[in-house]
C-alpha atoms as a PDB file:
ATOM      1  CA  LEU A   1     -26.538  35.254 -21.319  1.00  0.00           C
ATOM      2  CA  ARG A   2     -23.723  33.362 -19.655  1.00  0.00           C
ATOM      3  CA  GLY A   3     -23.846  30.989 -16.585  1.00  0.00           C
ATOM      4  CA  ARG A   4     -21.807  31.477 -13.554  1.00  0.00           C
ATOM      5  CA  VAL A   5     -19.389  29.270 -11.931  1.00  0.00           C
ATOM      6  CA  ALA A   6     -18.605  29.074  -8.282  1.00  0.00           C
ATOM      7  CA  GLY A   7     -15.059  30.385  -9.058  1.00  0.00           C
ATOM      8  CA  GLY A   8     -16.011  33.579 -10.805  1.00  0.00           C
ATOM      9  CA  VAL A   9     -18.321  36.318 -12.031  1.00  0.00           C
ATOM     10  CA  GLY A  10     -19.827  35.996 -15.461  1.00  0.00           C
ATOM     11  CA  MET A  11     -18.292  32.765 -16.536  1.00  0.00           C
ATOM     12  CA  ALA A  12     -19.362  29.716 -18.472  1.00  0.00           C
ATOM     13  CA  LYS A  13     -20.971  26.786 -16.723  1.00  0.00           C
ATOM     14  CA  ASN A  14     -18.563  24.533 -18.108  1.00  0.00           C
ATOM     15  CA  VAL A  15     -14.938  24.890 -17.115  1.00  0.00           C
ATOM     16  CA  GLN A  16     -13.802  23.909 -20.686  1.00  0.00           C
ATOM     17  CA  ASP A  17     -15.684  26.902 -22.179  1.00  0.00           C
ATOM     18  CA  ILE A  18     -13.272  29.189 -20.446  1.00  0.00           C
ATOM     19  CA  LEU A  19     -11.065  31.141 -22.954  1.00  0.00           C
ATOM     20  CA  LEU A  20      -7.741  32.716 -22.738  1.00  0.00           C
ATOM     21  CA  THR A  21      -9.523  36.140 -23.325  1.00  0.00           C
ATOM     22  CA  ASP A  22     -11.641  35.544 -20.098  1.00  0.00           C
ATOM     23  CA  ILE A  23      -8.706  35.551 -17.847  1.00  0.00           C
ATOM     24  CA  ASP A  24      -7.634  38.887 -16.153  1.00  0.00           C
ATOM     25  CA  PHE A  25      -6.356  39.991 -12.644  1.00  0.00           C
ATOM     26  CA  GLU A  26      -9.674  40.736 -11.314  1.00  0.00           C
ATOM     27  CA  LYS A  27     -11.226  37.333 -12.282  1.00  0.00           C
ATOM     28  CA  VAL A  28      -8.239  35.505 -10.692  1.00  0.00           C
ATOM     29  CA  LYS A  29      -8.467  37.506  -7.596  1.00  0.00           C
ATOM     30  CA  ASP A  30     -12.127  36.953  -7.039  1.00  0.00           C
ATOM     31  CA  CYS A  31     -11.959  33.257  -7.991  1.00  0.00           C
ATOM     32  CA  SER A  32     -12.504  30.549  -5.378  1.00  0.00           C
ATOM     33  CA  ASP A  33     -12.905  27.448  -7.405  1.00  0.00           C
ATOM     34  CA  LYS A  34      -9.731  25.255  -7.960  1.00  0.00           C
ATOM     35  CA  ARG A  35     -11.100  23.683 -11.162  1.00  0.00           C
ATOM     36  CA  VAL A  36     -11.443  27.232 -12.658  1.00  0.00           C
ATOM     37  CA  LEU A  37      -7.837  28.191 -11.469  1.00  0.00           C
ATOM     38  CA  LYS A  38      -6.477  24.886 -12.807  1.00  0.00           C
ATOM     39  CA  ARG A  39      -8.081  25.793 -16.211  1.00  0.00           C
ATOM     40  CA  TYR A  40      -6.434  29.272 -15.873  1.00  0.00           C
ATOM     41  CA  ILE A  41      -3.195  27.978 -15.539  1.00  0.00           C
ATOM     42  CA  HIS A  42      -3.552  25.339 -18.098  1.00  0.00           C
ATOM     43  CA  LEU A  43      -4.513  28.029 -20.729  1.00  0.00           C
ATOM     44  CA  LEU A  44      -1.828  30.337 -19.708  1.00  0.00           C
ATOM     45  CA  GLU A  45       0.954  27.631 -19.822  1.00  0.00           C
ATOM     46  CA  GLU A  46      -0.634  26.243 -23.093  1.00  0.00           C
ATOM     47  CA  ASP A  47      -0.279  29.893 -24.578  1.00  0.00           C
ATOM     48  CA  GLY A  48       3.595  29.594 -23.759  1.00  0.00           C
ATOM     49  CA  ALA A  49       3.459  31.235 -20.425  1.00  0.00           C
ATOM     50  CA  TYR A  50       3.559  34.579 -22.215  1.00  0.00           C
ATOM     51  CA  PHE A  51       1.692  36.243 -19.404  1.00  0.00           C
ATOM     52  CA  VAL A  52       4.188  35.775 -16.551  1.00  0.00           C
ATOM     53  CA  ASP A  53       2.582  38.013 -14.044  1.00  0.00           C
ATOM     54  CA  LEU A  54      -0.791  36.678 -14.590  1.00  0.00           C
ATOM     55  CA  LEU A  55       0.394  33.107 -14.445  1.00  0.00           C
ATOM     56  CA  ASN A  56       2.245  33.697 -11.231  1.00  0.00           C
ATOM     57  CA  ALA A  57      -0.799  35.369  -9.507  1.00  0.00           C
ATOM     58  CA  THR A  58      -3.001  32.462 -10.671  1.00  0.00           C
ATOM     59  CA  LYS A  59      -0.582  29.992  -9.153  1.00  0.00           C
ATOM     60  CA  GLU A  60      -0.524  31.938  -5.892  1.00  0.00           C
ATOM     61  CA  LYS A  61      -4.334  31.918  -5.877  1.00  0.00           C
ATOM     62  CA  LEU A  62      -4.525  28.191  -6.359  1.00  0.00           C
ATOM     63  CA  PHE A  63      -2.034  27.833  -3.523  1.00  0.00           C
ATOM     64  CA  GLU A  64      -4.333  29.958  -1.330  1.00  0.00           C
ATOM     65  CA  VAL A  65      -7.481  27.958  -2.383  1.00  0.00           C
ATOM     66  CA  ALA A  66      -6.265  24.514  -2.590  1.00  0.00           C
ATOM     67  CA  PRO A  67      -2.694  23.982  -1.452  1.00  0.00           C
ATOM     68  CA  LYS A  68      -2.823  20.021  -2.051  1.00  0.00           C
ATOM     69  CA  ASP A  69      -3.813  20.707  -5.764  1.00  0.00           C
ATOM     70  CA  TYR A  70      -1.050  23.072  -5.974  1.00  0.00           C
ATOM     71  CA  TYR A  71       1.527  20.724  -4.895  1.00  0.00           C
ATOM     72  CA  HIS A  72       0.149  18.076  -7.351  1.00  0.00           C
ATOM     73  CA  LEU A  73       0.801  20.343 -10.160  1.00  0.00           C
ATOM     74  CA  TYR A  74       4.139  21.833  -8.839  1.00  0.00           C
ATOM     75  CA  PRO A  75       5.698  19.233  -6.466  1.00  0.00           C
ATOM     76  CA  ARG A  76       8.394  20.567  -4.065  1.00  0.00           C
ATOM     77  CA  VAL A  77      11.892  19.780  -5.319  1.00  0.00           C
ATOM     78  CA  ALA A  78      14.324  18.771  -2.500  1.00  0.00           C
ATOM     79  CA  THR A  79      17.276  21.025  -2.224  1.00  0.00           C
ATOM     80  CA  ASP A  80      20.852  19.911  -2.533  1.00  0.00           C
ATOM     81  CA  ALA A  81      21.539  20.212   1.152  1.00  0.00           C
ATOM     82  CA  GLU A  82      18.326  18.022   1.945  1.00  0.00           C
ATOM     83  CA  VAL A  83      19.700  15.393  -0.462  1.00  0.00           C
ATOM     84  CA  ILE A  84      22.866  15.435   1.147  1.00  0.00           C
ATOM     85  CA  ASP A  85      21.622  15.172   4.509  1.00  0.00           C
ATOM     86  CA  THR A  86      19.307  12.159   3.684  1.00  0.00           C
ATOM     87  CA  LEU A  87      22.208  10.348   2.162  1.00  0.00           C
ATOM     88  CA  GLN A  88      24.359  10.893   4.934  1.00  0.00           C
ATOM     89  CA  ASP A  89      21.745   9.608   7.373  1.00  0.00           C
ATOM     90  CA  MET A  90      21.305   6.586   5.126  1.00  0.00           C
ATOM     91  CA  LEU A  91      24.957   5.645   5.034  1.00  0.00           C
ATOM     92  CA  GLU A  92      25.320   6.222   8.887  1.00  0.00           C
ATOM     93  CA  TRP A  93      22.292   3.850   9.196  1.00  0.00           C
ATOM     94  CA  GLU A  94      24.020   1.245   6.717  1.00  0.00           C
ATOM     95  CA  ALA A  95      27.322   1.399   8.748  1.00  0.00           C
ATOM     96  CA  ALA A  96      25.499   0.871  12.077  1.00  0.00           C
ATOM     97  CA  VAL A  97      23.585  -2.116  10.681  1.00  0.00           C
ATOM     98  CA  LYS A  98      26.851  -3.733   9.187  1.00  0.00           C
ATOM     99  CA  GLU A  99      28.512  -3.226  12.774  1.00  0.00           C
ATOM    100  CA  THR A 100      25.672  -4.981  14.487  1.00  0.00           C
ATOM    101  CA  ASP A 101      25.655  -7.757  11.890  1.00  0.00           C
ATOM    102  CA  ALA A 102      29.357  -8.374  12.331  1.00  0.00           C
ATOM    103  CA  ALA A 103      29.164  -8.233  16.117  1.00  0.00           C
ATOM    104  CA  LEU A 104      26.384 -10.827  16.088  1.00  0.00           C
ATOM    105  CA  LEU A 105      28.189 -13.101  13.640  1.00  0.00           C
ATOM    106  CA  LYS A 106      31.387 -12.749  15.665  1.00  0.00           C
ATOM    107  CA  SER A 107      29.613 -13.724  18.908  1.00  0.00           C
ATOM    108  CA  ARG A 108      27.968 -16.821  17.424  1.00  0.00           C
ATOM    109  CA  LYS A 109      31.093 -17.947  15.502  1.00  0.00           C
ATOM    110  CA  ASN A 110      32.179 -20.836  17.863  1.00  0.00           C
ATOM    111  CA  GLN A 111      28.823 -21.758  18.976  1.00  0.00           C
ATOM    112  CA  ILE A 112      27.282 -24.509  16.796  1.00  0.00           C
ATOM    113  CA  TRP A 113      24.427 -25.820  18.721  1.00  0.00           C
ATOM    114  CA  ASP A 114      21.904 -23.975  20.990  1.00  0.00           C
ATOM    115  CA  ASP A 115      22.336 -26.458  24.003  1.00  0.00           C
ATOM    116  CA  GLY A 116      21.872 -24.228  27.102  1.00  0.00           C
ATOM    117  CA  PRO A 117      18.651 -22.694  28.257  1.00  0.00           C
ATOM    118  CA  SER A 118      18.257 -19.100  27.762  1.00  0.00           C
ATOM    119  CA  VAL A 119      19.719 -16.717  30.234  1.00  0.00           C
ATOM    120  CA  SER A 120      16.884 -14.116  30.004  1.00  0.00           C
ATOM    121  CA  LYS A 121      14.344 -14.222  32.751  1.00  0.00           C
ATOM    122  CA  LEU A 122      11.485 -13.701  30.400  1.00  0.00           C
ATOM    123  CA  PRO A 123      10.617 -16.272  27.746  1.00  0.00           C
ATOM    124  CA  ILE A 124      10.944 -15.485  24.222  1.00  0.00           C
ATOM    125  CA  ARG A 125       8.092 -16.267  21.975  1.00  0.00           C
ATOM    126  CA  GLY A 126       8.467 -19.569  20.484  1.00  0.00           C
ATOM    127  CA  GLN A 127      10.966 -20.736  23.299  1.00  0.00           C
ATOM    128  CA  GLU A 128       8.555 -21.394  26.001  1.00  0.00           C
ATOM    129  CA  PRO A 129       9.027 -24.923  27.493  1.00  0.00           C
ATOM    130  CA  VAL A 130       6.837 -27.497  25.899  1.00  0.00           C
ATOM    131  CA  VAL A 131       5.159 -30.155  28.193  1.00  0.00           C
ATOM    132  CA  SER A 132       4.890 -33.477  26.208  1.00  0.00           C
ATOM    133  CA  ARG A 133       2.261 -35.824  27.112  1.00  0.00           C
ATOM    134  CA  PRO A 134       2.718 -39.473  26.820  1.00  0.00           C
ATOM    135  CA  ASN A 135       1.203 -41.204  23.898  1.00  0.00           C
ATOM    136  CA  ILE A 136      -1.892 -43.218  25.404  1.00  0.00           C
ATOM    137  CA  GLN A 137      -3.074 -44.641  21.924  1.00  0.00           C
ATOM    138  CA  ASP A 138      -2.224 -48.141  20.980  1.00  0.00           C
ATOM    139  CA  SER A 139       0.269 -48.564  18.287  1.00  0.00           C
ATOM    140  CA  LYS A 140      -2.083 -50.709  16.159  1.00  0.00           C
ATOM    141  CA  GLU A 141      -5.180 -49.109  14.701  1.00  0.00           C
ATOM    142  CA  ARG A 142      -8.589 -50.019  15.935  1.00  0.00           C
ATOM    143  CA  SER A 143     -11.063 -51.242  13.212  1.00  0.00           C
ATOM    144  CA  ARG A 144     -14.316 -49.523  13.142  1.00  0.00           C
ATOM    145  CA  PRO A 145     -17.555 -51.756  13.638  1.00  0.00           C
ATOM    146  CA  ALA A 146     -19.458 -51.688  10.538  1.00  0.00           C
ATOM    147  CA  SER A 147     -22.961 -50.809  10.699  1.00  0.00           C
ATOM    148  CA  GLU A 148     -25.716 -52.851   9.012  1.00  0.00           C
ATOM    149  CA  GLN A 149     -26.547 -50.146   6.386  1.00  0.00           C
ATOM    150  CA  GLN A 150     -22.827 -49.905   5.460  1.00  0.00           C
ATOM    151  CA  LYS A 151     -22.607 -53.650   4.859  1.00  0.00           C
ATOM    152  CA  ALA A 152     -25.537 -53.650   2.875  1.00  0.00           C
ATOM    153  CA  ARG A 153     -24.408 -50.715   0.731  1.00  0.00           C
ATOM    154  CA  ASP A 154     -21.042 -52.423   0.288  1.00  0.00           C
ATOM    155  CA  GLU A 155     -22.467 -55.445  -1.310  1.00  0.00           C
ATOM    156  CA  TYR A 156     -23.803 -53.565  -4.644  1.00  0.00           C
ATOM    157  CA  ALA A 157     -22.025 -51.090  -6.886  1.00  0.00           C
ATOM    158  CA  ARG A 158     -23.526 -47.678  -8.208  1.00  0.00           C
ATOM    159  CA  ASP A 159     -25.629 -49.284 -10.812  1.00  0.00           C
ATOM    160  CA  LYS A 160     -27.142 -51.834  -8.055  1.00  0.00           C
ATOM    161  CA  SER A 161     -25.154 -54.655  -9.648  1.00  0.00           C
ATOM    162  CA  LYS A 162     -23.153 -57.210  -7.582  1.00  0.00           C
ATOM    163  CA  MET A 163     -19.764 -55.751  -6.781  1.00  0.00           C
ATOM    164  CA  LYS A 164     -17.907 -58.787  -8.092  1.00  0.00           C
ATOM    165  CA  ASP A 165     -19.854 -58.307 -11.543  1.00  0.00           C
ATOM    166  CA  TYR A 166     -19.245 -54.518 -11.680  1.00  0.00           C
ATOM    167  CA  TYR A 167     -15.346 -54.693 -11.397  1.00  0.00           C
ATOM    168  CA  ARG A 168     -15.153 -57.844 -13.534  1.00  0.00           C
ATOM    169  CA  ALA A 169     -16.531 -56.157 -16.544  1.00  0.00           C
END
């Protein structure tokens, strides 16, 4: 007795157990499992695509059941008209960008420094006026008052010997 797969009637449990002799138009028509349909296509193409009508019927059924998987197996190829239209759009965009770049370079050609304030009414990010505060700190650094514990620790090195003896050795 053979087990049944979701895709067809009287098929093996494992998709790899399907043989070329198991494929016919009725089984393809009744199949609803994309794995089984992919196995059918694989077997039919491996055989040299000798059964053209059966292969086309299997491809159509795979397209009905799982269009995404169909397009993974058989990606859509762009037509010559689509390629030409896309290239034309890209060339037009490139020309527009070059025109804009040339106009910007021409407008700023004689201007060396950005001295004047911005003409726009709204501030541009990064160009908001900066309010500077006066430096209220002394120019000389203040020394920290040393605590009693810090003074006691500073007299001895890690090995509890006097600091002078530690660095003399």
